[in-house]
Amino acid sequence: MLRAMTRPSLAVAPGWADQLRHAITDLAGLERAFSLTNAEREGAARALSAGLPISITPYYANLCDPQDSACPIRRQCVPVADEAVEAEGDLRDPLGEESHEVAPDLVQRYPDRALLLVSDRCSVYCRFCTRSRMVGQGGGARSLDRLAPALAHLAAHPEIREVIVSGGDPLVGSTSRIAAILRRLAALGTLDTVRLATRVPVTLPMRIDGELASAIRDAFEATWVMTHFNHPRELTEESTRALRVLVDHGLPVMNQTVLLRGINDSAETLEALFRGLVRRRVRPYYLLQADPVRGTSHLRTPLATGEDIMECLQGRLSGIALPKFIVDTPGGLGKVPHGPDWVAARRPGVTTFRTFRGDRVDYVDPPLDRD
């Protein structure tokens, strides 16, 4: 159950620009919003001096339990002392984006698609962020002049058929700028699709309106919006309205959920989230094993957790509500689908499957053609 916001310091005008202006960005703001633990105070001090910055919109802060540090929303946005811990396997750049940068702000890890980083700003800085090395570090939105080398590279490489526009969050900016970037991508004439990766429907849903949705659709019609809902408590009236605006304007919406320890690492929680997304006409696309970002080991789960959850959800959820469980391999070597093994045995011409009910069923291959 969501708690009503009672603190006057968080009661700001509902406009998205006002939300950004009144975002919590320091320890004093955290103290006003939450009953902090010592671990949270220590984490905030570290974040403000040398770590991933703090930013929490009043809207998203109001989804947090102000008294409970174990609140699944609060754990996503309030820093803790464990961010100073480096575990084995932690990496500054876990997906090897810097080593796969083919032009400034353009990363290519696959033959047919590339990642265009158009900003380093977000409305909320998630404590598990894959790009904690760069977000909030200065520079803000990238101008079209700065993006010119990236766009020139795309023009020179027509084999790139899809661009993921990300950051930071591309929707934390003016509508005209977002549309201008999409129009430049459309003008290349070689792209099949654009994916717009944003957490704005989750953390700043009042940013989504008909003007923005129309501008996105009109600038590049084959734009897919990729959202990042991680917990059913994020499916509020406001976020539901934002999703409705996007879908009703003809923009397909899919969701990528990050599997996070103590936040959504149960089949019951994820079933509620995935069912809620489908009811809102959003397709659960990926359940992502959290990337081994330096300082996030306290939020990561063992791989077996994701395997068990996917096994539990298989058969319980419709195929349109069941995402792929994905591991984005360290070093930027690409995503790998992962999950429980449904093959119980193999012998020549026969594969024995294990169903979600626990039955064993033989599938017999057809005979090979004989000349």
Foldseek 3Di string as FASTA:
>chain_A
DFDADDQPLLDWDLALVRQLVSWDFAPVSLVSLAPDDPQLVLFRVCCVPPFQTATAGSVLSSRADRYDCLGLSNLFFGTGNLLQDFDPPADQQFQQQVVQAPAVQWGDLDQAEIEHAFFLEANTDTSLDNNRVGRPPDDGGHQVVRCVRVLVVCLVRLSHAEYEYAHRAPLPDDLVRSLVVLLSVVVSVRHPEYEHEHQCLQRPLSSADLVSLLSNCVSPVRYAYEHEDAWLSSLDPSSLVSLLSNVVSPHAYEYEYEQWPSNQLALVGLVSVLVSCVVSVYFHAEHEQRGSHRSRPNTGDPPVSQQVSLLQCAVVDDPRSRYFYWYSGTNNNGIDGDYDDQFPDDDVQWTWGQHSVRDTDIDGHDDDDDD
